C-alpha atoms as a PDB file:
ATOM      1  CA  MET A   1     146.826 101.701 126.784  1.00  0.00           C
ATOM      2  CA  THR A   2     144.082 101.000 124.393  1.00  0.00           C
ATOM      3  CA  TYR A   3     145.960  98.291 122.077  1.00  0.00           C
ATOM      4  CA  LEU A   4     144.446  98.024 117.989  1.00  0.00           C
ATOM      5  CA  THR A   5     142.397  95.385 117.736  1.00  0.00           C
ATOM      6  CA  PRO A   6     143.534  92.240 114.546  1.00  0.00           C
ATOM      7  CA  ALA A   7     140.812  94.698 112.152  1.00  0.00           C
ATOM      8  CA  GLN A   8     142.324  97.741 112.714  1.00  0.00           C
ATOM      9  CA  LEU A   9     145.704  96.937 112.673  1.00  0.00           C
ATOM     10  CA  GLU A  10     145.071  94.697 109.233  1.00  0.00           C
ATOM     11  CA  ALA A  11     141.967  97.744 107.771  1.00  0.00           C
ATOM     12  CA  ALA A  12     145.595  99.748 108.384  1.00  0.00           C
ATOM     13  CA  LEU A  13     148.242  97.771 106.776  1.00  0.00           C
ATOM     14  CA  ALA A  14     145.831  97.235 104.385  1.00  0.00           C
ATOM     15  CA  ARG A  15     145.882 101.275 103.264  1.00  0.00           C
ATOM     16  CA  ARG A  16     148.616 101.540 100.059  1.00  0.00           C
ATOM     17  CA  ASP A  17     151.096 103.217 100.595  1.00  0.00           C
ATOM     18  CA  LEU A  18     152.084 105.636  98.045  1.00  0.00           C
ATOM     19  CA  THR A  19     155.629 105.991  97.769  1.00  0.00           C
ATOM     20  CA  ASP A  20     155.983 102.231  97.502  1.00  0.00           C
ATOM     21  CA  PRO A  21     156.556 101.515  93.359  1.00  0.00           C
ATOM     22  CA  ALA A  22     155.663  97.287  93.823  1.00  0.00           C
ATOM     23  CA  ALA A  23     151.953  99.534  94.301  1.00  0.00           C
ATOM     24  CA  GLY A  24     151.792 101.782  91.334  1.00  0.00           C
ATOM     25  CA  GLU A  25     154.011 104.858  90.102  1.00  0.00           C
ATOM     26  CA  HIS A  26     152.949 107.665  91.710  1.00  0.00           C
ATOM     27  CA  ALA A  27     153.811 111.594  91.659  1.00  0.00           C
ATOM     28  CA  VAL A  28     154.836 111.179  95.748  1.00  0.00           C
ATOM     29  CA  GLN A  29     157.652 108.848  94.403  1.00  0.00           C
ATOM     30  CA  HIS A  30     158.789 110.947  91.214  1.00  0.00           C
ATOM     31  CA  VAL A  31     159.035 113.575  94.341  1.00  0.00           C
ATOM     32  CA  VAL A  32     162.140 110.818  96.212  1.00  0.00           C
ATOM     33  CA  ASP A  33     163.111 110.733  93.361  1.00  0.00           C
ATOM     34  CA  ARG A  34     164.438 114.173  92.545  1.00  0.00           C
ATOM     35  CA  ILE A  35     165.602 115.144  96.608  1.00  0.00           C
ATOM     36  CA  GLU A  36     167.777 111.979  96.949  1.00  0.00           C
ATOM     37  CA  ARG A  37     169.261 112.958  92.999  1.00  0.00           C
ATOM     38  CA  ALA A  38     169.602 116.632  94.031  1.00  0.00           C
ATOM     39  CA  LEU A  39     171.531 115.493  97.139  1.00  0.00           C
ATOM     40  CA  ALA A  40     174.045 112.628  95.837  1.00  0.00           C
ATOM     41  CA  ASN A  41     174.662 115.242  92.640  1.00  0.00           C
ATOM     42  CA  THR A  42     175.369 118.102  95.696  1.00  0.00           C
ATOM     43  CA  TRP A  43     177.440 116.374  98.079  1.00  0.00           C
ATOM     44  CA  GLY A  44     179.329 113.166  95.575  1.00  0.00           C
ATOM     45  CA  ILE A  45     178.217 110.414  98.209  1.00  0.00           C
ATOM     46  CA  PRO A  46     175.834 107.205  98.070  1.00  0.00           C
ATOM     47  CA  VAL A  47     171.739 107.740  99.182  1.00  0.00           C
ATOM     48  CA  ARG A  48     171.371 104.668 100.826  1.00  0.00           C
ATOM     49  CA  ARG A  49     167.033 104.194 100.429  1.00  0.00           C
ATOM     50  CA  ASP A  50     165.698 101.977 103.063  1.00  0.00           C
ATOM     51  CA  PRO A  51     161.618 102.613 103.945  1.00  0.00           C
ATOM     52  CA  GLY A  52     161.480 100.689 106.767  1.00  0.00           C
ATOM     53  CA  ASP A  53     158.529  98.396 108.246  1.00  0.00           C
ATOM     54  CA  ARG A  54     155.230 100.445 108.911  1.00  0.00           C
ATOM     55  CA  ILE A  55     155.720  98.474 112.562  1.00  0.00           C
ATOM     56  CA  VAL A  56     157.315  99.681 114.809  1.00  0.00           C
ATOM     57  CA  THR A  57     158.801  99.512 118.165  1.00  0.00           C
ATOM     58  CA  ILE A  58     157.776 101.797 120.439  1.00  0.00           C
ATOM     59  CA  ALA A  59     161.112 102.670 122.109  1.00  0.00           C
ATOM     60  CA  ASP A  60     162.350 103.533 118.470  1.00  0.00           C
ATOM     61  CA  ASN A  61     160.001 105.887 117.459  1.00  0.00           C
ATOM     62  CA  TYR A  62     160.187 107.437 121.120  1.00  0.00           C
ATOM     63  CA  ASP A  63     163.313 107.006 122.905  1.00  0.00           C
ATOM     64  CA  ARG A  64     165.732 105.964 120.591  1.00  0.00           C
ATOM     65  CA  LEU A  65     164.457 109.358 119.741  1.00  0.00           C
ATOM     66  CA  ARG A  66     164.753 111.108 122.955  1.00  0.00           C
ATOM     67  CA  TYR A  67     161.210 111.824 123.485  1.00  0.00           C
ATOM     68  CA  ASP A  68     160.239 112.302 127.144  1.00  0.00           C
ATOM     69  CA  ASP A  69     157.984 110.138 128.541  1.00  0.00           C
ATOM     70  CA  ALA A  70     155.296 112.401 128.841  1.00  0.00           C
ATOM     71  CA  ALA A  71     155.278 113.677 125.035  1.00  0.00           C
ATOM     72  CA  VAL A  72     152.567 114.161 123.728  1.00  0.00           C
ATOM     73  CA  THR A  73     152.841 112.934 120.863  1.00  0.00           C
ATOM     74  CA  ARG A  74     152.735 109.034 122.978  1.00  0.00           C
ATOM     75  CA  ASP A  75     149.436 109.110 124.428  1.00  0.00           C
ATOM     76  CA  ARG A  76     146.561 107.199 122.976  1.00  0.00           C
ATOM     77  CA  ARG A  77     144.632 110.060 120.989  1.00  0.00           C
ATOM     78  CA  TYR A  78     146.658 110.449 118.566  1.00  0.00           C
ATOM     79  CA  SER A  79     148.979 107.821 118.613  1.00  0.00           C
ATOM     80  CA  ARG A  80     148.386 104.450 117.285  1.00  0.00           C
ATOM     81  CA  TYR A  81     149.602 101.438 119.505  1.00  0.00           C
ATOM     82  CA  VAL A  82     150.050  97.178 118.796  1.00  0.00           C
ATOM     83  CA  ASP A  83     151.055  96.167 121.682  1.00  0.00           C
ATOM     84  CA  GLN A  84     152.694  96.685 124.595  1.00  0.00           C
ATOM     85  CA  ASP A  85     156.189  97.456 122.725  1.00  0.00           C
ATOM     86  CA  ARG A  86     154.568  98.281 119.413  1.00  0.00           C
ATOM     87  CA  MET A  87     152.779 100.723 116.946  1.00  0.00           C
ATOM     88  CA  LEU A  88     152.570 102.139 113.960  1.00  0.00           C
ATOM     89  CA  ARG A  89     154.947 104.806 113.091  1.00  0.00           C
ATOM     90  CA  SER A  90     154.047 108.107 113.413  1.00  0.00           C
ATOM     91  CA  HIS A  91     156.754 109.248 111.555  1.00  0.00           C
ATOM     92  CA  THR A  92     159.811 107.871 109.415  1.00  0.00           C
ATOM     93  CA  THR A  93     162.400 108.307 111.821  1.00  0.00           C
ATOM     94  CA  ALA A  94     161.835 105.767 114.029  1.00  0.00           C
ATOM     95  CA  ARG A  95     163.330 104.311 111.309  1.00  0.00           C
ATOM     96  CA  ILE A  96     166.547 106.529 111.813  1.00  0.00           C
ATOM     97  CA  PRO A  97     167.625 104.551 115.109  1.00  0.00           C
ATOM     98  CA  ALA A  98     168.382 101.245 113.689  1.00  0.00           C
ATOM     99  CA  LEU A  99     169.055 102.355 110.435  1.00  0.00           C
ATOM    100  CA  LEU A 100     172.349 103.636 112.766  1.00  0.00           C
ATOM    101  CA  ASP A 101     172.413 100.350 114.123  1.00  0.00           C
ATOM    102  CA  GLN A 102     173.499  99.028 110.983  1.00  0.00           C
ATOM    103  CA  LEU A 103     175.335 101.685 109.779  1.00  0.00           C
ATOM    104  CA  THR A 104     178.700 100.981 107.669  1.00  0.00           C
ATOM    105  CA  GLU A 105     179.733 104.258 106.116  1.00  0.00           C
ATOM    106  CA  ASN A 106     182.075 106.568 106.259  1.00  0.00           C
ATOM    107  CA  ASP A 107     179.662 109.059 104.518  1.00  0.00           C
ATOM    108  CA  VAL A 108     176.173 108.623 103.678  1.00  0.00           C
ATOM    109  CA  VAL A 109     172.689 109.914 103.423  1.00  0.00           C
ATOM    110  CA  LEU A 110     169.975 107.665 104.410  1.00  0.00           C
ATOM    111  CA  SER A 111     166.938 107.887 102.790  1.00  0.00           C
ATOM    112  CA  VAL A 112     163.535 106.931 104.738  1.00  0.00           C
ATOM    113  CA  PRO A 113     161.078 107.581 102.787  1.00  0.00           C
ATOM    114  CA  GLY A 114     156.949 105.949 104.234  1.00  0.00           C
ATOM    115  CA  MET A 115     153.289 106.081 104.990  1.00  0.00           C
ATOM    116  CA  CYS A 116     152.821 106.496 108.699  1.00  0.00           C
ATOM    117  CA  TYR A 117     150.043 106.392 110.972  1.00  0.00           C
ATOM    118  CA  ARG A 118     148.552 109.507 113.093  1.00  0.00           C
ATOM    119  CA  ARG A 119     145.269 110.336 114.322  1.00  0.00           C
ATOM    120  CA  ASP A 120     143.962 114.168 112.564  1.00  0.00           C
ATOM    121  CA  ALA A 121     141.532 116.563 112.063  1.00  0.00           C
ATOM    122  CA  ILE A 122     139.729 116.386 109.202  1.00  0.00           C
ATOM    123  CA  ASP A 123     140.178 119.639 106.519  1.00  0.00           C
ATOM    124  CA  ARG A 124     141.278 120.184 102.811  1.00  0.00           C
ATOM    125  CA  GLN A 125     145.231 119.591 104.713  1.00  0.00           C
ATOM    126  CA  HIS A 126     144.776 116.955 106.819  1.00  0.00           C
ATOM    127  CA  VAL A 127     144.975 113.502 106.204  1.00  0.00           C
ATOM    128  CA  GLY A 128     145.332 110.199 109.532  1.00  0.00           C
ATOM    129  CA  GLU A 129     148.383 107.990 106.844  1.00  0.00           C
ATOM    130  CA  PRO A 130     150.890 111.677 105.515  1.00  0.00           C
ATOM    131  CA  HIS A 131     153.864 110.103 103.728  1.00  0.00           C
ATOM    132  CA  GLN A 132     156.696 111.264 104.849  1.00  0.00           C
ATOM    133  CA  LEU A 133     160.699 111.298 103.697  1.00  0.00           C
ATOM    134  CA  ASP A 134     163.507 111.422 106.663  1.00  0.00           C
ATOM    135  CA  LEU A 135     167.592 112.188 105.005  1.00  0.00           C
ATOM    136  CA  TRP A 136     169.937 112.041 108.172  1.00  0.00           C
ATOM    137  CA  ARG A 137     173.344 112.017 106.365  1.00  0.00           C
ATOM    138  CA  ILE A 138     175.950 110.185 108.626  1.00  0.00           C
ATOM    139  CA  SER A 139     179.735 111.531 108.834  1.00  0.00           C
ATOM    140  CA  ASP A 140     183.623 111.118 109.925  1.00  0.00           C
ATOM    141  CA  GLN A 141     185.147 112.356 106.815  1.00  0.00           C
ATOM    142  CA  ARG A 142     183.766 116.084 108.438  1.00  0.00           C
ATOM    143  CA  ARG A 143     182.089 117.583 110.884  1.00  0.00           C
ATOM    144  CA  LEU A 144     178.562 118.589 109.813  1.00  0.00           C
ATOM    145  CA  THR A 145     178.017 122.459 110.964  1.00  0.00           C
ATOM    146  CA  THR A 146     174.943 124.560 110.377  1.00  0.00           C
ATOM    147  CA  ASP A 147     176.242 125.367 106.488  1.00  0.00           C
ATOM    148  CA  ASP A 148     175.574 122.179 106.062  1.00  0.00           C
ATOM    149  CA  LEU A 149     172.112 122.705 107.256  1.00  0.00           C
ATOM    150  CA  ASN A 150     171.756 125.568 104.768  1.00  0.00           C
ATOM    151  CA  THR A 151     173.060 123.799 101.772  1.00  0.00           C
ATOM    152  CA  MET A 152     170.394 119.968 103.088  1.00  0.00           C
ATOM    153  CA  ILE A 153     167.359 122.209 102.955  1.00  0.00           C
ATOM    154  CA  GLU A 154     168.552 124.888  99.567  1.00  0.00           C
ATOM    155  CA  GLN A 155     169.099 121.584  98.213  1.00  0.00           C
ATOM    156  CA  VAL A 156     165.751 119.894  98.350  1.00  0.00           C
ATOM    157  CA  VAL A 157     163.757 122.335  98.153  1.00  0.00           C
ATOM    158  CA  ALA A 158     165.611 123.877  94.166  1.00  0.00           C
ATOM    159  CA  ALA A 159     165.248 120.113  93.347  1.00  0.00           C
ATOM    160  CA  VAL A 160     160.766 120.263  93.916  1.00  0.00           C
ATOM    161  CA  LEU A 161     159.829 123.917  94.045  1.00  0.00           C
ATOM    162  CA  PRO A 162     162.460 125.901  92.831  1.00  0.00           C
ATOM    163  CA  GLY A 163     162.494 129.496  93.056  1.00  0.00           C
ATOM    164  CA  LYS A 164     160.183 129.423  96.310  1.00  0.00           C
ATOM    165  CA  ARG A 165     160.673 132.110  99.129  1.00  0.00           C
ATOM    166  CA  ILE A 166     162.145 129.627 102.302  1.00  0.00           C
ATOM    167  CA  GLU A 167     161.620 130.536 105.283  1.00  0.00           C
ATOM    168  CA  THR A 168     163.297 128.696 108.073  1.00  0.00           C
ATOM    169  CA  PRO A 169     162.802 129.756 111.757  1.00  0.00           C
ATOM    170  CA  PRO A 170     164.010 128.236 114.943  1.00  0.00           C
ATOM    171  CA  SER A 171     162.111 124.868 116.135  1.00  0.00           C
ATOM    172  CA  GLN A 172     163.178 122.624 119.021  1.00  0.00           C
ATOM    173  CA  HIS A 173     163.292 118.866 117.975  1.00  0.00           C
ATOM    174  CA  PRO A 174     164.045 116.276 120.858  1.00  0.00           C
ATOM    175  CA  TYR A 175     166.063 114.611 118.562  1.00  0.00           C
ATOM    176  CA  THR A 176     167.842 117.349 116.829  1.00  0.00           C
ATOM    177  CA  LEU A 177     170.166 120.632 117.724  1.00  0.00           C
ATOM    178  CA  ASP A 178     169.731 123.888 117.081  1.00  0.00           C
ATOM    179  CA  GLY A 179     165.937 122.534 115.246  1.00  0.00           C
ATOM    180  CA  ARG A 180     164.546 124.349 112.432  1.00  0.00           C
ATOM    181  CA  GLU A 181     161.177 124.432 110.608  1.00  0.00           C
ATOM    182  CA  ILE A 182     161.151 124.574 106.603  1.00  0.00           C
ATOM    183  CA  TYR A 183     158.475 126.782 104.965  1.00  0.00           C
ATOM    184  CA  VAL A 184     157.925 127.353 101.483  1.00  0.00           C
ATOM    185  CA  ASP A 185     156.274 130.426  99.946  1.00  0.00           C
ATOM    186  CA  GLY A 186     154.650 130.536 103.937  1.00  0.00           C
ATOM    187  CA  VAL A 187     153.524 126.273 103.635  1.00  0.00           C
ATOM    188  CA  GLU A 188     155.461 124.148 106.655  1.00  0.00           C
ATOM    189  CA  ILE A 189     156.709 121.460 104.723  1.00  0.00           C
ATOM    190  CA  GLY A 190     159.278 120.162 107.108  1.00  0.00           C
ATOM    191  CA  GLU A 191     161.676 120.436 110.004  1.00  0.00           C
ATOM    192  CA  CYS A 192     164.958 119.796 109.699  1.00  0.00           C
ATOM    193  CA  GLY A 193     168.581 120.363 111.341  1.00  0.00           C
ATOM    194  CA  ARG A 194     172.334 118.721 112.975  1.00  0.00           C
ATOM    195  CA  ALA A 195     171.424 115.744 114.811  1.00  0.00           C
ATOM    196  CA  HIS A 196     171.339 115.951 118.036  1.00  0.00           C
ATOM    197  CA  PRO A 197     175.397 114.106 118.902  1.00  0.00           C
ATOM    198  CA  GLU A 198     173.204 111.628 122.183  1.00  0.00           C
ATOM    199  CA  VAL A 199     170.583 109.979 118.862  1.00  0.00           C
ATOM    200  CA  LEU A 200     173.972 108.623 117.772  1.00  0.00           C
ATOM    201  CA  ARG A 201     175.805 107.589 120.615  1.00  0.00           C
ATOM    202  CA  GLY A 202     172.913 105.313 121.780  1.00  0.00           C
ATOM    203  CA  SER A 203     173.310 103.319 117.848  1.00  0.00           C
ATOM    204  CA  GLY A 204     176.972 103.247 119.669  1.00  0.00           C
ATOM    205  CA  LEU A 205     178.171 105.883 116.717  1.00  0.00           C
ATOM    206  CA  PRO A 206     181.997 107.535 117.767  1.00  0.00           C
ATOM    207  CA  GLU A 207     182.854 110.950 118.780  1.00  0.00           C
ATOM    208  CA  THR A 208     184.094 111.693 114.966  1.00  0.00           C
ATOM    209  CA  LYS A 209     180.265 111.166 113.326  1.00  0.00           C
ATOM    210  CA  THR A 210     178.165 113.890 112.591  1.00  0.00           C
ATOM    211  CA  GLY A 211     175.249 114.409 111.206  1.00  0.00           C
ATOM    212  CA  LEU A 212     171.882 116.245 109.712  1.00  0.00           C
ATOM    213  CA  ALA A 213     168.771 115.278 110.792  1.00  0.00           C
ATOM    214  CA  MET A 214     165.498 116.478 107.841  1.00  0.00           C
ATOM    215  CA  GLY A 215     161.752 115.082 107.406  1.00  0.00           C
ATOM    216  CA  LEU A 216     159.816 116.488 104.942  1.00  0.00           C
ATOM    217  CA  GLY A 217     156.143 116.246 104.485  1.00  0.00           C
ATOM    218  CA  LEU A 218     155.652 114.140 100.957  1.00  0.00           C
ATOM    219  CA  ASP A 219     151.965 114.423 100.688  1.00  0.00           C
ATOM    220  CA  ARG A 220     152.228 118.632 101.102  1.00  0.00           C
ATOM    221  CA  ILE A 221     155.079 118.946  98.944  1.00  0.00           C
ATOM    222  CA  THR A 222     153.135 117.533  95.993  1.00  0.00           C
ATOM    223  CA  MET A 223     150.574 119.193  96.552  1.00  0.00           C
ATOM    224  CA  LEU A 224     152.448 122.723  95.735  1.00  0.00           C
ATOM    225  CA  VAL A 225     154.370 121.186  93.119  1.00  0.00           C
ATOM    226  CA  LYS A 226     151.197 120.198  91.532  1.00  0.00           C
ATOM    227  CA  GLY A 227     149.060 123.015  92.523  1.00  0.00           C
ATOM    228  CA  ILE A 228     146.704 120.809  94.106  1.00  0.00           C
ATOM    229  CA  ASP A 229     145.106 122.087  96.988  1.00  0.00           C
ATOM    230  CA  ASP A 230     143.050 119.581  98.063  1.00  0.00           C
ATOM    231  CA  ILE A 231     144.957 116.271  99.758  1.00  0.00           C
ATOM    232  CA  ARG A 232     141.740 113.720  98.788  1.00  0.00           C
ATOM    233  CA  LEU A 233     142.784 114.271  95.361  1.00  0.00           C
ATOM    234  CA  LEU A 234     146.486 111.945  95.350  1.00  0.00           C
ATOM    235  CA  ARG A 235     144.421 109.332  96.796  1.00  0.00           C
ATOM    236  CA  ALA A 236     141.216 109.469  94.401  1.00  0.00           C
ATOM    237  CA  THR A 237     140.337 106.168  91.775  1.00  0.00           C
ATOM    238  CA  ASP A 238     138.752 108.350  89.585  1.00  0.00           C
ATOM    239  CA  PRO A 239     140.782 108.250  86.097  1.00  0.00           C
ATOM    240  CA  ARG A 240     140.429 111.882  84.904  1.00  0.00           C
ATOM    241  CA  VAL A 241     142.080 112.355  88.401  1.00  0.00           C
ATOM    242  CA  ALA A 242     144.309 108.762  88.680  1.00  0.00           C
ATOM    243  CA  GLY A 243     145.382 109.584  85.894  1.00  0.00           C
ATOM    244  CA  GLN A 244     146.896 112.807  86.353  1.00  0.00           C
ATOM    245  CA  MET A 245     148.731 111.339  89.454  1.00  0.00           C
ATOM    246  CA  HIS A 246     151.031 109.287  87.619  1.00  0.00           C
ATOM    247  CA  ASP A 247     153.691 112.839  87.143  1.00  0.00           C
ATOM    248  CA  LEU A 248     154.755 116.165  88.546  1.00  0.00           C
ATOM    249  CA  SER A 249     153.138 117.821  85.754  1.00  0.00           C
ATOM    250  CA  PRO A 250     150.543 120.535  86.325  1.00  0.00           C
ATOM    251  CA  TYR A 251     147.475 119.117  87.657  1.00  0.00           C
ATOM    252  CA  HIS A 252     144.913 120.038  85.626  1.00  0.00           C
ATOM    253  CA  PRO A 253     140.970 120.599  87.670  1.00  0.00           C
ATOM    254  CA  VAL A 254     138.179 117.866  86.237  1.00  0.00           C
ATOM    255  CA  SER A 255     135.391 119.312  88.166  1.00  0.00           C
ATOM    256  CA  GLY A 256     133.938 122.005  90.452  1.00  0.00           C
ATOM    257  CA  MET A 257     131.255 120.087  93.167  1.00  0.00           C
ATOM    258  CA  PRO A 258     129.075 121.930  95.559  1.00  0.00           C
ATOM    259  CA  PRO A 259     129.876 121.422  98.418  1.00  0.00           C
ATOM    260  CA  THR A 260     127.958 120.805 101.363  1.00  0.00           C
ATOM    261  CA  SER A 261     127.084 120.891 105.094  1.00  0.00           C
ATOM    262  CA  ARG A 262     125.323 119.828 107.596  1.00  0.00           C
ATOM    263  CA  ASP A 263     125.622 121.174 111.176  1.00  0.00           C
ATOM    264  CA  LEU A 264     125.104 118.541 114.320  1.00  0.00           C
ATOM    265  CA  SER A 265     125.017 119.470 118.413  1.00  0.00           C
ATOM    266  CA  LEU A 266     127.027 116.548 120.128  1.00  0.00           C
ATOM    267  CA  ALA A 267     127.110 115.438 123.808  1.00  0.00           C
ATOM    268  CA  VAL A 268     130.349 113.923 124.091  1.00  0.00           C
ATOM    269  CA  ALA A 269     133.535 113.707 126.457  1.00  0.00           C
ATOM    270  CA  GLU A 270     134.708 116.990 127.413  1.00  0.00           C
ATOM    271  CA  ASP A 271     138.598 115.515 126.896  1.00  0.00           C
ATOM    272  CA  ALA A 272     137.823 115.299 122.751  1.00  0.00           C
ATOM    273  CA  ASP A 273     139.023 116.485 120.300  1.00  0.00           C
ATOM    274  CA  ALA A 274     139.219 117.909 116.569  1.00  0.00           C
ATOM    275  CA  GLU A 275     141.818 115.260 116.331  1.00  0.00           C
ATOM    276  CA  GLN A 276     139.486 112.197 118.252  1.00  0.00           C
ATOM    277  CA  LEU A 277     136.860 113.537 116.120  1.00  0.00           C
ATOM    278  CA  GLY A 278     138.510 113.014 112.989  1.00  0.00           C
ATOM    279  CA  ASP A 279     139.301 109.440 113.572  1.00  0.00           C
ATOM    280  CA  ARG A 280     136.337 108.081 114.204  1.00  0.00           C
ATOM    281  CA  VAL A 281     134.846 109.741 111.479  1.00  0.00           C
ATOM    282  CA  ARG A 282     137.087 108.148 109.525  1.00  0.00           C
ATOM    283  CA  ALA A 283     137.159 104.444 111.373  1.00  0.00           C
ATOM    284  CA  VAL A 284     133.343 104.507 110.617  1.00  0.00           C
ATOM    285  CA  LEU A 285     132.601 106.017 106.597  1.00  0.00           C
ATOM    286  CA  GLY A 286     135.869 104.095 105.955  1.00  0.00           C
ATOM    287  CA  ASP A 287     135.643 105.421 101.888  1.00  0.00           C
ATOM    288  CA  ASP A 288     133.558 106.469 101.742  1.00  0.00           C
ATOM    289  CA  ALA A 289     135.487 109.180 104.476  1.00  0.00           C
ATOM    290  CA  SER A 290     136.661 110.870 100.549  1.00  0.00           C
ATOM    291  CA  ALA A 291     133.413 112.471 100.431  1.00  0.00           C
ATOM    292  CA  VAL A 292     134.105 114.859 103.711  1.00  0.00           C
ATOM    293  CA  GLU A 293     136.008 117.780 102.928  1.00  0.00           C
ATOM    294  CA  GLU A 294     136.302 119.128 106.486  1.00  0.00           C
ATOM    295  CA  ILE A 295     134.689 118.704 109.402  1.00  0.00           C
ATOM    296  CA  GLU A 296     135.355 122.078 111.477  1.00  0.00           C
ATOM    297  CA  VAL A 297     134.722 122.047 115.187  1.00  0.00           C
ATOM    298  CA  ARG A 298     132.189 124.968 115.850  1.00  0.00           C
ATOM    299  CA  SER A 299     132.138 125.796 119.294  1.00  0.00           C
ATOM    300  CA  GLU A 300     132.523 123.960 123.115  1.00  0.00           C
ATOM    301  CA  THR A 301     129.675 124.435 126.204  1.00  0.00           C
ATOM    302  CA  GLY A 302     130.661 122.925 128.904  1.00  0.00           C
ATOM    303  CA  TYR A 303     128.431 121.317 131.193  1.00  0.00           C
ATOM    304  CA  ALA A 304     127.812 123.638 133.296  1.00  0.00           C
ATOM    305  CA  ASP A 305     127.691 126.103 130.921  1.00  0.00           C
ATOM    306  CA  LEU A 306     124.630 124.454 130.053  1.00  0.00           C
ATOM    307  CA  PRO A 307     120.787 125.179 130.101  1.00  0.00           C
ATOM    308  CA  ASP A 308     118.269 123.102 131.661  1.00  0.00           C
ATOM    309  CA  SER A 309     116.096 123.161 128.536  1.00  0.00           C
ATOM    310  CA  ALA A 310     119.827 122.021 126.308  1.00  0.00           C
ATOM    311  CA  ARG A 311     121.457 118.711 128.695  1.00  0.00           C
ATOM    312  CA  GLU A 312     117.690 117.245 128.456  1.00  0.00           C
ATOM    313  CA  ARG A 313     117.278 117.859 124.646  1.00  0.00           C
ATOM    314  CA  MET A 314     121.365 116.080 123.405  1.00  0.00           C
ATOM    315  CA  GLY A 315     120.677 113.499 126.892  1.00  0.00           C
ATOM    316  CA  LEU A 316     124.313 115.052 128.157  1.00  0.00           C
ATOM    317  CA  ARG A 317     125.202 114.059 131.218  1.00  0.00           C
ATOM    318  CA  LYS A 318     127.830 115.287 133.624  1.00  0.00           C
ATOM    319  CA  GLY A 319     132.067 114.862 132.230  1.00  0.00           C
ATOM    320  CA  GLN A 320     130.440 115.278 128.954  1.00  0.00           C
ATOM    321  CA  LYS A 321     130.462 118.676 127.036  1.00  0.00           C
ATOM    322  CA  ASN A 322     128.493 119.799 123.946  1.00  0.00           C
ATOM    323  CA  VAL A 323     130.218 120.598 120.793  1.00  0.00           C
ATOM    324  CA  LEU A 324     128.718 122.616 117.289  1.00  0.00           C
ATOM    325  CA  LEU A 325     130.360 120.657 114.442  1.00  0.00           C
ATOM    326  CA  ARG A 326     130.127 121.484 110.789  1.00  0.00           C
ATOM    327  CA  LEU A 327     130.236 119.042 108.573  1.00  0.00           C
ATOM    328  CA  VAL A 328     131.327 119.725 105.169  1.00  0.00           C
ATOM    329  CA  LEU A 329     130.714 117.038 102.086  1.00  0.00           C
ATOM    330  CA  ARG A 330     131.738 117.093  98.316  1.00  0.00           C
ATOM    331  CA  ASP A 331     132.986 113.484  96.649  1.00  0.00           C
ATOM    332  CA  LEU A 332     135.523 115.160  93.709  1.00  0.00           C
ATOM    333  CA  THR A 333     133.971 114.091  91.417  1.00  0.00           C
ATOM    334  CA  ARG A 334     129.801 114.420  91.582  1.00  0.00           C
ATOM    335  CA  THR A 335     126.748 116.336  93.745  1.00  0.00           C
ATOM    336  CA  LEU A 336     126.236 113.711  95.971  1.00  0.00           C
ATOM    337  CA  SER A 337     121.990 113.572  96.454  1.00  0.00           C
ATOM    338  CA  THR A 338     120.485 115.465  99.708  1.00  0.00           C
ATOM    339  CA  VAL A 339     119.947 111.791 100.479  1.00  0.00           C
ATOM    340  CA  GLU A 340     123.697 110.269 100.776  1.00  0.00           C
ATOM    341  CA  ALA A 341     124.451 113.796 101.859  1.00  0.00           C
ATOM    342  CA  ASN A 342     121.984 113.100 105.196  1.00  0.00           C
ATOM    343  CA  THR A 343     123.620 109.431 105.173  1.00  0.00           C
ATOM    344  CA  ILE A 344     126.947 110.667 106.025  1.00  0.00           C
ATOM    345  CA  ARG A 345     125.567 113.350 108.660  1.00  0.00           C
ATOM    346  CA  ASP A 346     123.273 110.709 109.524  1.00  0.00           C
ATOM    347  CA  ARG A 347     126.608 108.061 109.602  1.00  0.00           C
ATOM    348  CA  VAL A 348     128.629 110.307 111.979  1.00  0.00           C
ATOM    349  CA  TYR A 349     126.570 111.752 114.186  1.00  0.00           C
ATOM    350  CA  GLU A 350     126.143 108.473 115.663  1.00  0.00           C
ATOM    351  CA  ALA A 351     129.689 107.975 116.027  1.00  0.00           C
ATOM    352  CA  LEU A 352     129.881 110.859 118.167  1.00  0.00           C
ATOM    353  CA  HIS A 353     127.128 111.442 119.293  1.00  0.00           C
ATOM    354  CA  GLU A 354     127.745 109.983 122.928  1.00  0.00           C
ATOM    355  CA  GLY A 355     124.215 111.344 124.650  1.00  0.00           C
ATOM    356  CA  THR A 356     120.942 109.230 125.907  1.00  0.00           C
ATOM    357  CA  ALA A 357     118.679 112.091 123.181  1.00  0.00           C
ATOM    358  CA  HIS A 358     118.481 111.986 119.423  1.00  0.00           C
ATOM    359  CA  GLU A 359     117.680 114.141 116.433  1.00  0.00           C
ATOM    360  CA  TRP A 360     118.546 112.026 112.976  1.00  0.00           C
ATOM    361  CA  THR A 361     117.708 113.669 109.793  1.00  0.00           C
ATOM    362  CA  ALA A 362     114.459 112.695 108.298  1.00  0.00           C
ATOM    363  CA  ARG A 363     115.436 110.944 104.240  1.00  0.00           C
END
């Protein structure tokens, strides 16, 4: 098992959580407020918000939510482990077991907004630190059913995206029964289902308690509400952009910077995937990663399928593969110079290429 270094952990915890009002107002917070009010008004019950900590036990993040020991999401390639017992939460659902342990209300909505940590590909829709909102209604006043779940879905969508088309195809989750995904106008915004009885019983709750569980992607919802097509805008520091992230009014583009691309031919480990490569790029570029619009894996070729000349050119060894990567650069507020683009290209190349021969740009 590979653990985060102290420096990596410090950097992760220093990243601003856009759901936290103490760090400043943000549109993401208004999305949370609207959804919570909608459920409180519809059901006439309290909503208890508790973001919890970003560092959680592995048991709460996986075991108590019924994740299989062999679940791929547990792999260190996708989750960030602090030590043998703790990790940076990979979803806000990790807070739910502790809240169930402490539950005193007869009928309540548990609300857990916050930032999570994954290893993800780089493009206009994905980041390694997404914001999520878990909403669990727990009640012993009535047995919650699929009809209640339908009401929950309808009210949540109407609160932030009224009039949009809703689709809920089936999808299995370890902590729910009758699980579904939630799509709005063809865009996935979350997942839901009836709370699995074993999760409730694991916190000592009686059989009279039933529940509904919903997890929402706050970044994606906020982008849909404001009409944003690039997730980087949510964290932009340019005043012309950041000034528009304090409410849910439509976003007005401030510029249309042209993209520039660089193609890289890399020797990487056979099991390397887009999520791993994206995480390594974020780590090496730091704040400059905001200039990367997308990293696209265009092709992969194994050692045995490459001619000797190609292996020699890259210094590719057995146990490695050749990945052709397209690096798309587009700063949100200015045009990158050729030197700047080449510098970023070389930094990415140095971080990802594991061959013994190198090809640098001529700056």
